[in-house]
Protein backbone atom coordinates (compact mmCIF):
# COMPACT_ATOMS: atom_id res chain seq x y z
CA MET A 1 -4.87 19.53 -21.32
CA SER A 2 -6.81 22.25 -23.09
CA GLY A 3 -10.11 23.66 -21.99
CA PRO A 4 -11.22 26.49 -19.76
CA VAL A 5 -8.61 27.35 -17.16
CA LEU A 6 -9.36 27.07 -13.45
CA TYR A 7 -7.03 28.54 -10.87
CA ALA A 8 -7.21 26.53 -7.65
CA VAL A 9 -5.95 28.89 -4.96
CA VAL A 10 -4.92 27.09 -1.77
CA CYS A 11 -4.13 28.65 1.60
CA GLY A 12 -2.23 27.70 4.76
CA SER A 13 -4.52 24.98 6.07
CA PRO A 14 -4.09 21.27 6.77
CA SER A 15 -6.84 20.59 4.21
CA THR A 16 -4.58 21.96 1.48
CA GLN A 17 -2.85 18.59 1.32
CA GLY A 18 -5.98 17.20 -0.38
CA VAL A 19 -6.09 19.67 -3.29
CA GLY A 20 -5.24 16.81 -5.66
CA LYS A 21 -8.86 15.71 -5.19
CA LEU A 22 -10.07 19.09 -6.45
CA VAL A 23 -7.70 18.85 -9.41
CA SER A 24 -9.02 15.39 -10.35
CA LEU A 25 -12.67 16.41 -10.01
CA ALA A 26 -12.13 19.59 -12.02
CA ARG A 27 -10.26 17.79 -14.79
CA GLN A 28 -13.15 15.32 -15.06
CA ARG A 29 -15.36 18.36 -15.77
CA GLY A 30 -13.01 19.53 -18.54
CA TRP A 31 -11.03 22.17 -16.66
CA ASP A 32 -7.33 22.79 -17.22
CA VAL A 33 -6.27 23.33 -13.60
CA CYS A 34 -3.44 25.51 -12.31
CA VAL A 35 -2.64 25.56 -8.60
CA VAL A 36 -1.65 28.84 -6.96
CA ALA A 37 -0.51 28.70 -3.33
CA THR A 38 -0.16 31.24 -0.59
CA PRO A 39 3.29 31.06 1.03
CA ASP A 40 1.82 29.26 4.06
CA ALA A 41 0.08 26.67 1.86
CA LEU A 42 3.47 25.31 0.81
CA LYS A 43 3.77 23.62 4.24
CA TRP A 44 1.05 21.17 3.27
CA LEU A 45 1.37 21.01 -0.50
CA ASP A 46 3.13 18.19 -2.33
CA VAL A 47 4.36 20.46 -5.13
CA PRO A 48 6.01 17.80 -7.35
CA ARG A 49 2.85 15.66 -7.27
CA ILE A 50 0.62 18.62 -8.15
CA VAL A 51 2.94 19.64 -11.01
CA LEU A 52 2.68 16.10 -12.43
CA GLN A 53 -1.07 16.04 -11.96
CA THR A 54 -1.77 19.43 -13.56
CA GLY A 55 1.06 19.75 -16.06
CA HIS A 56 1.65 23.28 -14.76
CA PRO A 57 4.09 24.72 -12.23
CA VAL A 58 2.67 25.67 -8.84
CA ARG A 59 2.89 29.43 -8.53
CA HIS A 60 3.43 30.92 -5.09
CA ARG A 61 5.24 34.21 -5.58
CA TYR A 62 5.15 37.15 -7.93
CA LYS A 63 7.37 36.77 -10.98
CA TYR A 64 10.45 38.90 -11.42
CA PRO A 65 10.47 41.76 -13.96
CA GLY A 66 10.97 40.36 -17.43
CA ASP A 67 9.93 36.81 -16.50
CA PRO A 68 7.31 35.35 -18.85
CA ASP A 69 3.86 34.36 -17.62
CA ILE A 70 4.03 30.61 -17.07
CA LEU A 71 0.35 29.94 -16.51
CA PRO A 72 -2.50 30.40 -18.96
CA ALA A 73 -5.01 33.11 -18.07
CA ALA A 74 -7.77 32.04 -15.70
CA ASP A 75 -11.38 31.65 -16.77
CA ALA A 76 -12.50 31.00 -13.17
CA MET A 77 -11.06 30.60 -9.68
CA ILE A 78 -11.73 28.45 -6.65
CA VAL A 79 -10.23 29.42 -3.29
CA ALA A 80 -10.26 26.33 -1.09
CA PRO A 81 -9.45 25.97 1.67
CA ALA A 82 -9.74 29.71 2.25
CA THR A 83 -8.28 30.87 5.56
CA VAL A 84 -9.51 33.75 7.70
CA ASN A 85 -6.28 35.57 6.81
CA THR A 86 -6.88 35.27 3.06
CA ILE A 87 -10.59 36.14 3.27
CA ASN A 88 -9.92 39.27 5.36
CA LYS A 89 -6.99 40.49 3.27
CA TRP A 90 -8.82 39.81 0.00
CA ALA A 91 -11.90 41.73 1.16
CA ALA A 92 -9.61 44.63 2.14
CA GLY A 93 -7.98 44.63 -1.32
CA ILE A 94 -4.58 43.61 0.02
CA ALA A 95 -2.38 41.96 -2.62
CA ASP A 96 0.80 41.18 -0.68
CA THR A 97 1.06 37.63 -2.05
CA LEU A 98 0.63 36.32 -5.59
CA ALA A 99 -2.51 34.41 -4.59
CA LEU A 100 -4.12 37.54 -3.12
CA GLY A 101 -3.05 39.63 -6.11
CA MET A 102 -4.71 37.17 -8.46
CA LEU A 103 -7.89 37.13 -6.36
CA VAL A 104 -8.05 40.93 -6.21
CA GLU A 105 -7.56 41.06 -10.00
CA GLY A 106 -10.12 38.28 -10.46
CA ILE A 107 -12.83 40.43 -8.92
CA GLY A 108 -11.77 43.37 -11.07
CA MET A 109 -11.90 41.20 -14.19
CA GLY A 110 -15.34 39.83 -13.32
CA LEU A 111 -14.18 36.21 -13.19
CA PRO A 112 -16.42 33.59 -11.62
CA ILE A 113 -14.89 32.96 -8.19
CA VAL A 114 -15.95 30.47 -5.52
CA ALA A 115 -14.43 30.48 -2.02
CA LEU A 116 -14.79 27.74 0.59
CA PRO A 117 -13.50 28.95 3.97
CA PHE A 118 -12.08 26.43 6.43
CA THR A 119 -11.39 27.71 9.91
CA ASN A 120 -12.00 27.08 13.56
CA ALA A 121 -14.91 28.49 15.57
CA ALA A 122 -12.77 30.96 17.52
CA MET A 123 -11.28 32.58 14.41
CA ALA A 124 -14.65 32.61 12.66
CA ALA A 125 -16.16 34.49 15.61
CA HIS A 126 -14.05 37.59 14.93
CA PRO A 127 -16.39 40.28 13.52
CA ALA A 128 -14.04 41.13 10.63
CA PHE A 129 -14.41 37.63 9.18
CA GLY A 130 -18.19 37.84 8.80
CA GLU A 131 -17.92 41.37 7.41
CA SER A 132 -15.33 40.19 4.89
CA ILE A 133 -17.55 37.34 3.73
CA ASP A 134 -20.46 39.75 3.29
CA ARG A 135 -18.25 42.18 1.37
CA LEU A 136 -16.94 39.48 -0.99
CA ARG A 137 -20.47 38.21 -1.62
CA SER A 138 -21.63 41.75 -2.41
CA TRP A 139 -18.94 41.89 -5.09
CA GLY A 140 -20.15 38.70 -6.78
CA VAL A 141 -17.88 36.12 -5.14
CA THR A 142 -19.69 32.90 -4.24
CA VAL A 143 -18.64 32.22 -0.65
CA LEU A 144 -19.71 28.80 0.62
CA TYR A 145 -19.85 29.32 4.33
CA GLY A 146 -22.05 28.28 7.23
CA GLU A 147 -22.82 25.27 9.39
CA ASP A 148 -24.79 23.78 6.49
CA VAL A 149 -21.64 23.87 4.32
CA ILE A 150 -18.77 22.83 6.59
CA ARG A 151 -18.87 22.72 10.34
CA LEU A 152 -16.61 24.88 12.40
CA HIS A 153 -14.24 23.06 14.70
CA ALA A 154 -12.43 23.84 17.92
CA PRO A 155 -8.99 25.47 17.68
CA GLY A 156 -6.27 22.91 17.03
CA GLN A 157 -8.68 20.31 15.60
CA GLY A 158 -8.40 21.09 11.87
CA ASP A 159 -5.98 18.23 11.21
CA ARG A 160 -8.69 15.75 12.19
CA LEU A 161 -11.04 17.01 9.47
CA VAL A 162 -8.72 16.87 6.46
CA GLU A 163 -10.43 13.84 4.92
CA GLU A 164 -13.86 15.44 5.36
CA PHE A 165 -13.06 18.57 3.35
CA PRO A 166 -15.80 18.83 0.66
CA TRP A 167 -13.75 19.46 -2.48
CA GLU A 168 -16.77 18.83 -4.71
CA LEU A 169 -18.79 21.75 -3.26
CA PRO A 170 -16.88 24.63 -4.87
CA LEU A 171 -16.95 22.83 -8.22
CA MET A 172 -20.70 22.32 -7.97
CA ALA A 173 -21.12 26.02 -7.14
CA LEU A 174 -18.91 26.95 -10.10
CA ASP A 175 -21.03 24.73 -12.38
CA GLU A 176 -24.08 26.75 -11.27
CA HIS A 177 -22.43 30.14 -11.82
CA PRO A 178 -24.37 31.93 -14.60
CA ALA A 179 -21.26 32.65 -16.69
CA ILE A 180 -20.01 29.06 -16.50
CA HIS A 181 -23.47 27.64 -17.12
CA ALA A 182 -23.85 29.83 -20.23
CA GLN A 183 -20.43 28.71 -21.53
CA ARG A 184 -21.32 25.04 -21.08
CA VAL A 185 -24.68 25.46 -22.82
CA ALA A 186 -23.06 27.37 -25.69
CA GLY A 187 -20.32 24.74 -25.94
CA SER A 188 -22.85 21.94 -26.22
CA GLY A 189 -24.80 23.62 -29.00
CA GLY A 190 -27.47 24.96 -26.68
CA VAL A 191 -28.30 21.64 -25.07
CA GLU A 192 -27.05 20.86 -21.62
């Protein structure tokens, strides 16, 4: 599939198993989707199914010196589900996994990025998490977070909410991003 390239970055969360829904919804909007996983996300990810669905390998580690780039360059990124670990490390500029390295670079490149955190109430209560969300927002990242977006749950209850994960929300936010909106208007001859 050709079209603008969307990196779907998934983290170590039970909701990751539903990323195929995001891929389908994004492809319907004309995106060429590549899935990038944190090492912990691999526990829940059906890699062969995602490879068939996207037509791209699932990246989860840095390439070795001399290896070619196997994914097209990203035009935008969605981080969903975003864990507390990923949000905090990303906001601190830590790039110790491929996914984090791409997110850190994405901010530096000015890419449209939408993050949808999924965590329990106890982890969300840590002060660093709120500070990290504020920091990412101040740098232009659209972070969809709050009780009006997705409700926090008790520790150990995340598995029960997998089917409720709102995969359409980050795509809707990306559609509203000024850079994406301008591209779509320009691509349609000025008429949306």
